[in-house]
Amino acid sequence: EAIAGVGLTGTAVDEADEQLRMIVVRDHRVYVRVTDSHLIVL
Protein backbone atom coordinates (compact mmCIF):
# COMPACT_ATOMS: atom_id res chain seq x y z
CA GLU A 1 0.00 0.00 0.00
CA ALA A 2 2.78 2.42 0.93
CA ILE A 3 4.81 1.94 -2.22
CA ALA A 4 1.73 2.25 -4.44
CA GLY A 5 1.60 5.92 -3.44
CA VAL A 6 5.17 6.87 -4.30
CA GLY A 7 7.13 7.25 -7.52
CA LEU A 8 9.29 4.59 -9.10
CA THR A 9 10.65 2.76 -6.09
CA GLY A 10 12.60 -0.36 -5.27
CA THR A 11 15.55 -1.89 -7.07
CA ALA A 12 15.48 -2.29 -10.84
CA VAL A 13 15.46 -5.97 -11.75
CA ASP A 14 15.71 -5.78 -15.53
CA GLU A 15 17.80 -3.16 -17.34
CA ALA A 16 15.53 -3.48 -20.38
CA ASP A 17 12.37 -2.76 -18.35
CA GLU A 18 12.77 -0.09 -15.70
CA GLN A 19 9.20 -0.67 -14.50
CA LEU A 20 10.10 -4.14 -13.20
CA ARG A 21 11.22 -3.61 -9.60
CA MET A 22 12.02 -5.54 -6.44
CA ILE A 23 11.20 -4.40 -2.92
CA VAL A 24 12.54 -6.11 0.19
CA VAL A 25 10.00 -6.86 2.92
CA ARG A 26 11.60 -8.55 5.90
CA ASP A 27 13.40 -11.57 4.42
CA HIS A 28 11.30 -11.66 1.24
CA ARG A 29 11.62 -10.05 -2.16
CA VAL A 30 8.43 -8.63 -3.61
CA TYR A 31 8.58 -8.33 -7.41
CA VAL A 32 6.39 -5.60 -8.85
CA ARG A 33 5.76 -3.78 -12.08
CA VAL A 34 5.16 -0.07 -11.65
CA THR A 35 3.02 1.77 -14.20
CA ASP A 36 1.48 5.23 -14.11
CA SER A 37 -1.83 3.77 -12.96
CA HIS A 38 -0.98 0.53 -11.12
CA LEU A 39 1.44 -1.32 -8.93
CA ILE A 40 1.25 -4.92 -10.12
CA VAL A 41 2.59 -7.47 -7.64
CA LEU A 42 4.09 -10.26 -9.74
PDB file of all heavy atoms in Angstrom:
ATOM      1  N   GLU A   1       0.836  -1.213   0.000  1.00  0.00           N
ATOM      2  CA  GLU A   1       0.000   0.000   0.000  1.00  0.00           C
ATOM      3  C   GLU A   1       0.866   1.257   0.000  1.00  0.00           C
ATOM      4  O   GLU A   1       0.602   2.210  -0.727  1.00  0.00           O
ATOM      5  CB  GLU A   1      -0.923   0.013   1.229  1.00  0.00           C
ATOM      6  CG  GLU A   1      -2.060  -0.957   1.170  1.00  0.00           C
ATOM      7  CD  GLU A   1      -3.240  -0.431   0.377  1.00  0.00           C
ATOM      8  OE1 GLU A   1      -3.397   0.800   0.261  1.00  0.00           O
ATOM      9  OE2 GLU A   1      -3.994  -1.267  -0.138  1.00  0.00           O
ATOM     10  N   ALA A   2       1.917   1.243   0.815  1.00  0.00           N
ATOM     11  CA  ALA A   2       2.776   2.424   0.935  1.00  0.00           C
ATOM     12  C   ALA A   2       3.519   2.711  -0.367  1.00  0.00           C
ATOM     13  O   ALA A   2       3.600   3.870  -0.798  1.00  0.00           O
ATOM     14  CB  ALA A   2       3.775   2.238   2.083  1.00  0.00           C
ATOM     15  N   ILE A   3       4.046   1.678  -1.010  1.00  0.00           N
ATOM     16  CA  ILE A   3       4.814   1.938  -2.222  1.00  0.00           C
ATOM     17  C   ILE A   3       3.922   2.266  -3.413  1.00  0.00           C
ATOM     18  O   ILE A   3       4.381   2.877  -4.375  1.00  0.00           O
ATOM     19  CB  ILE A   3       5.780   0.783  -2.561  1.00  0.00           C
ATOM     20  CG1 ILE A   3       5.042  -0.507  -2.836  1.00  0.00           C
ATOM     21  CG2 ILE A   3       6.807   0.610  -1.471  1.00  0.00           C
ATOM     22  CD1 ILE A   3       5.935  -1.630  -3.300  1.00  0.00           C
ATOM     23  N   ALA A   4       2.646   1.902  -3.352  1.00  0.00           N
ATOM     24  CA  ALA A   4       1.727   2.254  -4.441  1.00  0.00           C
ATOM     25  C   ALA A   4       1.551   3.765  -4.541  1.00  0.00           C
ATOM     26  O   ALA A   4       1.223   4.278  -5.609  1.00  0.00           O
ATOM     27  CB  ALA A   4       0.377   1.575  -4.240  1.00  0.00           C
ATOM     28  N   GLY A   5       1.803   4.477  -3.455  1.00  0.00           N
ATOM     29  CA  GLY A   5       1.596   5.915  -3.443  1.00  0.00           C
ATOM     30  C   GLY A   5       2.821   6.748  -3.766  1.00  0.00           C
ATOM     31  O   GLY A   5       2.743   7.972  -3.818  1.00  0.00           O
ATOM     32  N   VAL A   6       3.950   6.106  -4.009  1.00  0.00           N
ATOM     33  CA  VAL A   6       5.172   6.875  -4.300  1.00  0.00           C
ATOM     34  C   VAL A   6       5.594   6.662  -5.752  1.00  0.00           C
ATOM     35  O   VAL A   6       5.010   5.862  -6.469  1.00  0.00           O
ATOM     36  CB  VAL A   6       6.325   6.475  -3.341  1.00  0.00           C
ATOM     37  CG1 VAL A   6       5.956   6.780  -1.908  1.00  0.00           C
ATOM     38  CG2 VAL A   6       6.705   5.022  -3.503  1.00  0.00           C
ATOM     39  N   GLY A   7       6.617   7.378  -6.158  1.00  0.00           N
ATOM     40  CA  GLY A   7       7.128   7.247  -7.524  1.00  0.00           C
ATOM     41  C   GLY A   7       7.788   5.901  -7.749  1.00  0.00           C
ATOM     42  O   GLY A   7       7.581   4.953  -6.999  1.00  0.00           O
ATOM     43  N   LEU A   8       8.589   5.820  -8.775  1.00  0.00           N
ATOM     44  CA  LEU A   8       9.294   4.592  -9.102  1.00  0.00           C
ATOM     45  C   LEU A   8      10.202   4.242  -7.933  1.00  0.00           C
ATOM     46  O   LEU A   8      11.103   4.996  -7.587  1.00  0.00           O
ATOM     47  CB  LEU A   8      10.102   4.791 -10.388  1.00  0.00           C
ATOM     48  CG  LEU A   8      10.509   3.560 -11.148  1.00  0.00           C
ATOM     49  CD1 LEU A   8       9.297   2.712 -11.510  1.00  0.00           C
ATOM     50  CD2 LEU A   8      11.268   3.941 -12.397  1.00  0.00           C
ATOM     51  N   THR A   9       9.951   3.121  -7.312  1.00  0.00           N
ATOM     52  CA  THR A   9      10.654   2.762  -6.090  1.00  0.00           C
ATOM     53  C   THR A   9      11.182   1.339  -6.182  1.00  0.00           C
ATOM     54  O   THR A   9      10.819   0.592  -7.071  1.00  0.00           O
ATOM     55  CB  THR A   9       9.717   2.911  -4.865  1.00  0.00           C
ATOM     56  OG1 THR A   9      10.470   2.719  -3.683  1.00  0.00           O
ATOM     57  CG2 THR A   9       8.582   1.930  -4.901  1.00  0.00           C
ATOM     58  N   GLY A  10      12.037   0.976  -5.280  1.00  0.00           N
ATOM     59  CA  GLY A  10      12.596  -0.364  -5.274  1.00  0.00           C
ATOM     60  C   GLY A  10      13.827  -0.452  -6.155  1.00  0.00           C
ATOM     61  O   GLY A  10      14.287   0.544  -6.723  1.00  0.00           O
ATOM     62  N   THR A  11      14.353  -1.633  -6.288  1.00  0.00           N
ATOM     63  CA  THR A  11      15.548  -1.887  -7.069  1.00  0.00           C
ATOM     64  C   THR A  11      15.155  -2.390  -8.447  1.00  0.00           C
ATOM     65  O   THR A  11      14.325  -3.291  -8.561  1.00  0.00           O
ATOM     66  CB  THR A  11      16.408  -2.963  -6.366  1.00  0.00           C
ATOM     67  OG1 THR A  11      16.707  -2.511  -5.039  1.00  0.00           O
ATOM     68  CG2 THR A  11      17.689  -3.228  -7.120  1.00  0.00           C
ATOM     69  N   ALA A  12      15.753  -1.819  -9.481  1.00  0.00           N
ATOM     70  CA  ALA A  12      15.482  -2.289 -10.842  1.00  0.00           C
ATOM     71  C   ALA A  12      15.950  -3.736 -10.970  1.00  0.00           C
ATOM     72  O   ALA A  12      17.027  -4.095 -10.496  1.00  0.00           O
ATOM     73  CB  ALA A  12      16.180  -1.400 -11.854  1.00  0.00           C
ATOM     74  N   VAL A  13      15.147  -4.561 -11.601  1.00  0.00           N
ATOM     75  CA  VAL A  13      15.455  -5.975 -11.751  1.00  0.00           C
ATOM     76  C   VAL A  13      15.935  -6.277 -13.170  1.00  0.00           C
ATOM     77  O   VAL A  13      16.747  -7.147 -13.380  1.00  0.00           O
ATOM     78  CB  VAL A  13      14.205  -6.832 -11.421  1.00  0.00           C
ATOM     79  CG1 VAL A  13      14.446  -8.293 -11.700  1.00  0.00           C
ATOM     80  CG2 VAL A  13      13.804  -6.636  -9.974  1.00  0.00           C
ATOM     81  N   ASP A  14      15.427  -5.526 -14.118  1.00  0.00           N
ATOM     82  CA  ASP A  14      15.713  -5.781 -15.531  1.00  0.00           C
ATOM     83  C   ASP A  14      16.104  -4.468 -16.192  1.00  0.00           C
ATOM     84  O   ASP A  14      15.302  -3.535 -16.244  1.00  0.00           O
ATOM     85  CB  ASP A  14      14.466  -6.378 -16.182  1.00  0.00           C
ATOM     86  CG  ASP A  14      14.654  -6.783 -17.622  1.00  0.00           C
ATOM     87  OD1 ASP A  14      15.684  -6.423 -18.230  1.00  0.00           O
ATOM     88  OD2 ASP A  14      13.769  -7.474 -18.159  1.00  0.00           O
ATOM     89  N   GLU A  15      17.332  -4.394 -16.704  1.00  0.00           N
ATOM     90  CA  GLU A  15      17.799  -3.161 -17.339  1.00  0.00           C
ATOM     91  C   GLU A  15      16.934  -2.776 -18.537  1.00  0.00           C
ATOM     92  O   GLU A  15      16.813  -1.604 -18.858  1.00  0.00           O
ATOM     93  CB  GLU A  15      19.253  -3.307 -17.777  1.00  0.00           C
ATOM     94  CG  GLU A  15      20.219  -3.386 -16.620  1.00  0.00           C
ATOM     95  CD  GLU A  15      21.654  -3.591 -17.074  1.00  0.00           C
ATOM     96  OE1 GLU A  15      21.932  -3.471 -18.280  1.00  0.00           O
ATOM     97  OE2 GLU A  15      22.489  -3.878 -16.206  1.00  0.00           O
ATOM     98  N   ALA A  16      16.348  -3.752 -19.202  1.00  0.00           N
ATOM     99  CA  ALA A  16      15.533  -3.482 -20.378  1.00  0.00           C
ATOM    100  C   ALA A  16      14.126  -2.990 -20.022  1.00  0.00           C
ATOM    101  O   ALA A  16      13.427  -2.454 -20.871  1.00  0.00           O
ATOM    102  CB  ALA A  16      15.432  -4.740 -21.237  1.00  0.00           C
ATOM    103  N   ASP A  17      13.718  -3.157 -18.781  1.00  0.00           N
ATOM    104  CA  ASP A  17      12.372  -2.757 -18.353  1.00  0.00           C
ATOM    105  C   ASP A  17      12.463  -2.116 -16.981  1.00  0.00           C
ATOM    106  O   ASP A  17      12.407  -2.793 -15.965  1.00  0.00           O
ATOM    107  CB  ASP A  17      11.446  -3.979 -18.322  1.00  0.00           C
ATOM    108  CG  ASP A  17      10.009  -3.631 -17.948  1.00  0.00           C
ATOM    109  OD1 ASP A  17       9.709  -2.441 -17.701  1.00  0.00           O
ATOM    110  OD2 ASP A  17       9.186  -4.549 -17.893  1.00  0.00           O
ATOM    111  N   GLU A  18      12.597  -0.805 -16.960  1.00  0.00           N
ATOM    112  CA  GLU A  18      12.771  -0.091 -15.696  1.00  0.00           C
ATOM    113  C   GLU A  18      11.558  -0.204 -14.778  1.00  0.00           C
ATOM    114  O   GLU A  18      11.663  -0.002 -13.577  1.00  0.00           O
ATOM    115  CB  GLU A  18      13.086   1.380 -15.953  1.00  0.00           C
ATOM    116  CG  GLU A  18      13.268   2.116 -14.658  1.00  0.00           C
ATOM    117  CD  GLU A  18      14.251   3.261 -14.743  1.00  0.00           C
ATOM    118  OE1 GLU A  18      15.230   3.147 -15.466  1.00  0.00           O
ATOM    119  OE2 GLU A  18      13.991   4.243 -14.054  1.00  0.00           O
ATOM    120  N   GLN A  19      10.407  -0.556 -15.319  1.00  0.00           N
ATOM    121  CA  GLN A  19       9.201  -0.667 -14.496  1.00  0.00           C
ATOM    122  C   GLN A  19       9.183  -1.942 -13.658  1.00  0.00           C
ATOM    123  O   GLN A  19       8.405  -2.050 -12.727  1.00  0.00           O
ATOM    124  CB  GLN A  19       7.953  -0.611 -15.378  1.00  0.00           C
ATOM    125  CG  GLN A  19       7.752   0.742 -16.020  1.00  0.00           C
ATOM    126  CD  GLN A  19       6.529   0.764 -16.903  1.00  0.00           C
ATOM    127  OE1 GLN A  19       6.173  -0.245 -17.515  1.00  0.00           O
ATOM    128  NE2 GLN A  19       5.883   1.902 -16.966  1.00  0.00           N
ATOM    129  N   LEU A  20      10.023  -2.901 -13.977  1.00  0.00           N
ATOM    130  CA  LEU A  20      10.103  -4.141 -13.203  1.00  0.00           C
ATOM    131  C   LEU A  20      11.039  -3.900 -12.027  1.00  0.00           C
ATOM    132  O   LEU A  20      12.216  -3.620 -12.194  1.00  0.00           O
ATOM    133  CB  LEU A  20      10.614  -5.288 -14.084  1.00  0.00           C
ATOM    134  CG  LEU A  20      10.671  -6.664 -13.432  1.00  0.00           C
ATOM    135  CD1 LEU A  20       9.306  -7.092 -12.910  1.00  0.00           C
ATOM    136  CD2 LEU A  20      11.191  -7.683 -14.438  1.00  0.00           C
ATOM    137  N   ARG A  21      10.486  -3.975 -10.815  1.00  0.00           N
ATOM    138  CA  ARG A  21      11.216  -3.608  -9.603  1.00  0.00           C
ATOM    139  C   ARG A  21      11.128  -4.703  -8.551  1.00  0.00           C
ATOM    140  O   ARG A  21      10.266  -5.568  -8.604  1.00  0.00           O
ATOM    141  CB  ARG A  21      10.646  -2.318  -8.997  1.00  0.00           C
ATOM    142  CG  ARG A  21      10.364  -1.195  -9.968  1.00  0.00           C
ATOM    143  CD  ARG A  21      11.574  -0.661 -10.641  1.00  0.00           C
ATOM    144  NE  ARG A  21      12.279   0.250  -9.768  1.00  0.00           N
ATOM    145  CZ  ARG A  21      13.340   0.947 -10.128  1.00  0.00           C
ATOM    146  NH1 ARG A  21      13.817   0.846 -11.330  1.00  0.00           N
ATOM    147  NH2 ARG A  21      13.935   1.741  -9.295  1.00  0.00           N
ATOM    148  N   MET A  22      12.011  -4.615  -7.558  1.00  0.00           N
ATOM    149  CA  MET A  22      12.016  -5.544  -6.438  1.00  0.00           C
ATOM    150  C   MET A  22      12.096  -4.725  -5.150  1.00  0.00           C
ATOM    151  O   MET A  22      12.894  -3.808  -5.042  1.00  0.00           O
ATOM    152  CB  MET A  22      13.226  -6.481  -6.546  1.00  0.00           C
ATOM    153  CG  MET A  22      13.220  -7.599  -5.526  1.00  0.00           C
ATOM    154  SD  MET A  22      14.296  -7.365  -4.097  1.00  0.00           S
ATOM    155  CE  MET A  22      15.824  -6.838  -4.767  1.00  0.00           C
ATOM    156  N   ILE A  23      11.232  -5.062  -4.223  1.00  0.00           N
ATOM    157  CA  ILE A  23      11.197  -4.396  -2.917  1.00  0.00           C
ATOM    158  C   ILE A  23      11.423  -5.463  -1.850  1.00  0.00           C
ATOM    159  O   ILE A  23      10.825  -6.537  -1.906  1.00  0.00           O
ATOM    160  CB  ILE A  23       9.835  -3.699  -2.682  1.00  0.00           C
ATOM    161  CG1 ILE A  23       9.650  -2.546  -3.674  1.00  0.00           C
ATOM    162  CG2 ILE A  23       9.720  -3.170  -1.277  1.00  0.00           C
ATOM    163  CD1 ILE A  23       8.746  -2.878  -4.779  1.00  0.00           C
ATOM    164  N   VAL A  24      12.267  -5.167  -0.902  1.00  0.00           N
ATOM    165  CA  VAL A  24      12.535  -6.111   0.185  1.00  0.00           C
ATOM    166  C   VAL A  24      11.551  -5.848   1.329  1.00  0.00           C
ATOM    167  O   VAL A  24      11.404  -4.716   1.783  1.00  0.00           O
ATOM    168  CB  VAL A  24      13.990  -5.982   0.684  1.00  0.00           C
ATOM    169  CG1 VAL A  24      14.230  -6.895   1.882  1.00  0.00           C
ATOM    170  CG2 VAL A  24      14.964  -6.296  -0.449  1.00  0.00           C
ATOM    171  N   VAL A  25      10.905  -6.910   1.768  1.00  0.00           N
ATOM    172  CA  VAL A  25      10.004  -6.858   2.919  1.00  0.00           C
ATOM    173  C   VAL A  25      10.431  -7.990   3.844  1.00  0.00           C
ATOM    174  O   VAL A  25      10.274  -9.164   3.512  1.00  0.00           O
ATOM    175  CB  VAL A  25       8.523  -7.028   2.511  1.00  0.00           C
ATOM    176  CG1 VAL A  25       7.632  -7.028   3.745  1.00  0.00           C
ATOM    177  CG2 VAL A  25       8.104  -5.954   1.523  1.00  0.00           C
ATOM    178  N   ARG A  26      11.011  -7.593   4.965  1.00  0.00           N
ATOM    179  CA  ARG A  26      11.602  -8.555   5.897  1.00  0.00           C
ATOM    180  C   ARG A  26      12.618  -9.402   5.137  1.00  0.00           C
ATOM    181  O   ARG A  26      13.504  -8.886   4.513  1.00  0.00           O
ATOM    182  CB  ARG A  26      10.521  -9.394   6.580  1.00  0.00           C
ATOM    183  CG  ARG A  26       9.568  -8.626   7.444  1.00  0.00           C
ATOM    184  CD  ARG A  26      10.075  -8.599   8.878  1.00  0.00           C
ATOM    185  NE  ARG A  26       9.276  -7.755   9.714  1.00  0.00           N
ATOM    186  CZ  ARG A  26       8.608  -8.189  10.760  1.00  0.00           C
ATOM    187  NH1 ARG A  26       8.621  -9.455  11.105  1.00  0.00           N
ATOM    188  NH2 ARG A  26       7.931  -7.352  11.497  1.00  0.00           N
ATOM    189  N   ASP A  27      12.448 -10.715   5.135  1.00  0.00           N
ATOM    190  CA  ASP A  27      13.402 -11.565   4.416  1.00  0.00           C
ATOM    191  C   ASP A  27      12.800 -12.105   3.112  1.00  0.00           C
ATOM    192  O   ASP A  27      13.112 -13.199   2.667  1.00  0.00           O
ATOM    193  CB  ASP A  27      13.909 -12.698   5.304  1.00  0.00           C
ATOM    194  CG  ASP A  27      12.799 -13.475   5.971  1.00  0.00           C
ATOM    195  OD1 ASP A  27      11.624 -13.124   5.776  1.00  0.00           O
ATOM    196  OD2 ASP A  27      13.093 -14.444   6.682  1.00  0.00           O
ATOM    197  N   HIS A  28      11.931 -11.307   2.506  1.00  0.00           N
ATOM    198  CA  HIS A  28      11.298 -11.663   1.238  1.00  0.00           C
ATOM    199  C   HIS A  28      11.544 -10.570   0.201  1.00  0.00           C
ATOM    200  O   HIS A  28      11.702  -9.403   0.543  1.00  0.00           O
ATOM    201  CB  HIS A  28       9.792 -11.850   1.415  1.00  0.00           C
ATOM    202  CG  HIS A  28       9.445 -13.063   2.205  1.00  0.00           C
ATOM    203  ND1 HIS A  28       9.502 -13.098   3.581  1.00  0.00           N
ATOM    204  CD2 HIS A  28       9.066 -14.301   1.813  1.00  0.00           C
ATOM    205  CE1 HIS A  28       9.157 -14.299   4.003  1.00  0.00           C
ATOM    206  NE2 HIS A  28       8.890 -15.044   2.951  1.00  0.00           N
ATOM    207  N   ARG A  29      11.539 -10.985  -1.035  1.00  0.00           N
ATOM    208  CA  ARG A  29      11.622 -10.049  -2.160  1.00  0.00           C
ATOM    209  C   ARG A  29      10.257 -10.011  -2.825  1.00  0.00           C
ATOM    210  O   ARG A  29       9.717 -11.045  -3.202  1.00  0.00           O
ATOM    211  CB  ARG A  29      12.674 -10.519  -3.164  1.00  0.00           C
ATOM    212  CG  ARG A  29      14.055 -10.524  -2.573  1.00  0.00           C
ATOM    213  CD  ARG A  29      15.030 -11.088  -3.573  1.00  0.00           C
ATOM    214  NE  ARG A  29      16.377 -11.028  -3.003  1.00  0.00           N
ATOM    215  CZ  ARG A  29      17.297 -11.927  -3.235  1.00  0.00           C
ATOM    216  NH1 ARG A  29      17.052 -12.942  -4.034  1.00  0.00           N
ATOM    217  NH2 ARG A  29      18.479 -11.807  -2.700  1.00  0.00           N
ATOM    218  N   VAL A  30       9.728  -8.814  -2.964  1.00  0.00           N
ATOM    219  CA  VAL A  30       8.435  -8.626  -3.613  1.00  0.00           C
ATOM    220  C   VAL A  30       8.722  -8.037  -4.990  1.00  0.00           C
ATOM    221  O   VAL A  30       9.297  -6.949  -5.097  1.00  0.00           O
ATOM    222  CB  VAL A  30       7.524  -7.680  -2.794  1.00  0.00           C
ATOM    223  CG1 VAL A  30       6.189  -7.487  -3.494  1.00  0.00           C
ATOM    224  CG2 VAL A  30       7.325  -8.213  -1.374  1.00  0.00           C
ATOM    225  N   TYR A  31       8.345  -8.764  -6.035  1.00  0.00           N
ATOM    226  CA  TYR A  31       8.581  -8.327  -7.406  1.00  0.00           C
ATOM    227  C   TYR A  31       7.331  -7.622  -7.911  1.00  0.00           C
ATOM    228  O   TYR A  31       6.224  -8.161  -7.825  1.00  0.00           O
ATOM    229  CB  TYR A  31       8.929  -9.521  -8.303  1.00  0.00           C
ATOM    230  CG  TYR A  31      10.249 -10.125  -7.915  1.00  0.00           C
ATOM    231  CD1 TYR A  31      10.310 -11.204  -7.040  1.00  0.00           C
ATOM    232  CD2 TYR A  31      11.445  -9.597  -8.387  1.00  0.00           C
ATOM    233  CE1 TYR A  31      11.528 -11.751  -6.662  1.00  0.00           C
ATOM    234  CE2 TYR A  31      12.667 -10.135  -8.017  1.00  0.00           C
ATOM    235  CZ  TYR A  31      12.695 -11.210  -7.152  1.00  0.00           C
ATOM    236  OH  TYR A  31      13.909 -11.732  -6.776  1.00  0.00           O
ATOM    237  N   VAL A  32       7.516  -6.413  -8.404  1.00  0.00           N
ATOM    238  CA  VAL A  32       6.391  -5.598  -8.854  1.00  0.00           C
ATOM    239  C   VAL A  32       6.699  -4.981 -10.210  1.00  0.00           C
ATOM    240  O   VAL A  32       7.860  -4.850 -10.605  1.00  0.00           O
ATOM    241  CB  VAL A  32       6.046  -4.480  -7.846  1.00  0.00           C
ATOM    242  CG1 VAL A  32       5.665  -5.049  -6.492  1.00  0.00           C
ATOM    243  CG2 VAL A  32       7.172  -3.479  -7.706  1.00  0.00           C
ATOM    244  N   ARG A  33       5.645  -4.592 -10.868  1.00  0.00           N
ATOM    245  CA  ARG A  33       5.758  -3.781 -12.076  1.00  0.00           C
ATOM    246  C   ARG A  33       5.026  -2.491 -11.777  1.00  0.00           C
ATOM    247  O   ARG A  33       3.875  -2.506 -11.342  1.00  0.00           O
ATOM    248  CB  ARG A  33       5.131  -4.495 -13.265  1.00  0.00           C
ATOM    249  CG  ARG A  33       5.304  -3.694 -14.526  1.00  0.00           C
ATOM    250  CD  ARG A  33       5.167  -4.581 -15.755  1.00  0.00           C
ATOM    251  NE  ARG A  33       5.419  -3.762 -16.903  1.00  0.00           N
ATOM    252  CZ  ARG A  33       4.540  -2.910 -17.401  1.00  0.00           C
ATOM    253  NH1 ARG A  33       3.347  -2.798 -16.868  1.00  0.00           N
ATOM    254  NH2 ARG A  33       4.852  -2.159 -18.436  1.00  0.00           N
ATOM    255  N   VAL A  34       5.711  -1.378 -11.970  1.00  0.00           N
ATOM    256  CA  VAL A  34       5.158  -0.070 -11.647  1.00  0.00           C
ATOM    257  C   VAL A  34       4.767   0.631 -12.945  1.00  0.00           C
ATOM    258  O   VAL A  34       5.600   0.821 -13.830  1.00  0.00           O
ATOM    259  CB  VAL A  34       6.186   0.787 -10.879  1.00  0.00           C
ATOM    260  CG1 VAL A  34       5.588   2.138 -10.521  1.00  0.00           C
ATOM    261  CG2 VAL A  34       6.672   0.066  -9.628  1.00  0.00           C
ATOM    262  N   THR A  35       3.482   0.986 -13.062  1.00  0.00           N
ATOM    263  CA  THR A  35       3.021   1.770 -14.199  1.00  0.00           C
ATOM    264  C   THR A  35       2.485   3.091 -13.660  1.00  0.00           C
ATOM    265  O   THR A  35       2.430   3.299 -12.442  1.00  0.00           O
ATOM    266  CB  THR A  35       1.911   1.044 -14.986  1.00  0.00           C
ATOM    267  OG1 THR A  35       0.724   0.985 -14.180  1.00  0.00           O
ATOM    268  CG2 THR A  35       2.329  -0.369 -15.371  1.00  0.00           C
ATOM    269  N   ASP A  36       2.055   3.963 -14.559  1.00  0.00           N
ATOM    270  CA  ASP A  36       1.480   5.231 -14.108  1.00  0.00           C
ATOM    271  C   ASP A  36       0.212   5.020 -13.293  1.00  0.00           C
ATOM    272  O   ASP A  36      -0.077   5.768 -12.377  1.00  0.00           O
ATOM    273  CB  ASP A  36       1.167   6.137 -15.305  1.00  0.00           C
ATOM    274  CG  ASP A  36       2.428   6.660 -15.960  1.00  0.00           C
ATOM    275  OD1 ASP A  36       3.483   6.685 -15.295  1.00  0.00           O
ATOM    276  OD2 ASP A  36       2.350   7.055 -17.145  1.00  0.00           O
ATOM    277  N   SER A  37      -0.535   3.967 -13.618  1.00  0.00           N
ATOM    278  CA  SER A  37      -1.829   3.772 -12.964  1.00  0.00           C
ATOM    279  C   SER A  37      -1.863   2.652 -11.930  1.00  0.00           C
ATOM    280  O   SER A  37      -2.743   2.641 -11.079  1.00  0.00           O
ATOM    281  CB  SER A  37      -2.902   3.497 -14.020  1.00  0.00           C
ATOM    282  OG  SER A  37      -2.595   2.320 -14.738  1.00  0.00           O
ATOM    283  N   HIS A  38      -0.906   1.682 -12.010  1.00  0.00           N
ATOM    284  CA  HIS A  38      -0.981   0.526 -11.123  1.00  0.00           C
ATOM    285  C   HIS A  38       0.375   0.082 -10.596  1.00  0.00           C
ATOM    286  O   HIS A  38       1.404   0.299 -11.235  1.00  0.00           O
ATOM    287  CB  HIS A  38      -1.616  -0.675 -11.848  1.00  0.00           C
ATOM    288  CG  HIS A  38      -3.066  -0.554 -12.024  1.00  0.00           C
ATOM    289  ND1 HIS A  38      -3.629   0.076 -13.110  1.00  0.00           N
ATOM    290  CD2 HIS A  38      -4.094  -0.967 -11.255  1.00  0.00           C
ATOM    291  CE1 HIS A  38      -4.937   0.047 -12.994  1.00  0.00           C
ATOM    292  NE2 HIS A  38      -5.250  -0.584 -11.882  1.00  0.00           N
ATOM    293  N   LEU A  39       0.323  -0.558  -9.456  1.00  0.00           N
ATOM    294  CA  LEU A  39       1.442  -1.320  -8.927  1.00  0.00           C
ATOM    295  C   LEU A  39       0.976  -2.770  -9.035  1.00  0.00           C
ATOM    296  O   LEU A  39      -0.008  -3.163  -8.402  1.00  0.00           O
ATOM    297  CB  LEU A  39       1.721  -0.965  -7.465  1.00  0.00           C
ATOM    298  CG  LEU A  39       2.835  -1.793  -6.837  1.00  0.00           C
ATOM    299  CD1 LEU A  39       4.181  -1.180  -7.207  1.00  0.00           C
ATOM    300  CD2 LEU A  39       2.681  -1.856  -5.346  1.00  0.00           C
ATOM    301  N   ILE A  40       1.648  -3.536  -9.882  1.00  0.00           N
ATOM    302  CA  ILE A  40       1.245  -4.917 -10.124  1.00  0.00           C
ATOM    303  C   ILE A  40       2.222  -5.822  -9.389  1.00  0.00           C
ATOM    304  O   ILE A  40       3.416  -5.820  -9.681  1.00  0.00           O
ATOM    305  CB  ILE A  40       1.245  -5.229 -11.625  1.00  0.00           C
ATOM    306  CG1 ILE A  40       0.338  -4.235 -12.360  1.00  0.00           C
ATOM    307  CG2 ILE A  40       0.795  -6.669 -11.875  1.00  0.00           C
ATOM    308  CD1 ILE A  40       0.680  -4.055 -13.812  1.00  0.00           C
ATOM    309  N   VAL A  41       1.738  -6.552  -8.406  1.00  0.00           N
ATOM    310  CA  VAL A  41       2.586  -7.471  -7.644  1.00  0.00           C
ATOM    311  C   VAL A  41       2.658  -8.769  -8.442  1.00  0.00           C
ATOM    312  O   VAL A  41       1.651  -9.426  -8.669  1.00  0.00           O
ATOM    313  CB  VAL A  41       2.028  -7.719  -6.228  1.00  0.00           C
ATOM    314  CG1 VAL A  41       2.964  -8.621  -5.442  1.00  0.00           C
ATOM    315  CG2 VAL A  41       1.806  -6.396  -5.499  1.00  0.00           C
ATOM    316  N   LEU A  42       3.880  -9.102  -8.885  1.00  0.00           N
ATOM    317  CA  LEU A  42       4.087 -10.265  -9.741  1.00  0.00           C
ATOM    318  C   LEU A  42       4.389 -11.532  -8.955  1.00  0.00           C
ATOM    319  O   LEU A  42       4.017 -12.629  -9.365  1.00  0.00           O
ATOM    320  CB  LEU A  42       5.230  -9.997 -10.719  1.00  0.00           C
ATOM    321  CG  LEU A  42       5.026  -8.804 -11.639  1.00  0.00           C
ATOM    322  CD1 LEU A  42       6.301  -8.519 -12.400  1.00  0.00           C
ATOM    323  CD2 LEU A  42       3.855  -9.056 -12.573  1.00  0.00           C
TER     324      LEU A  42
END
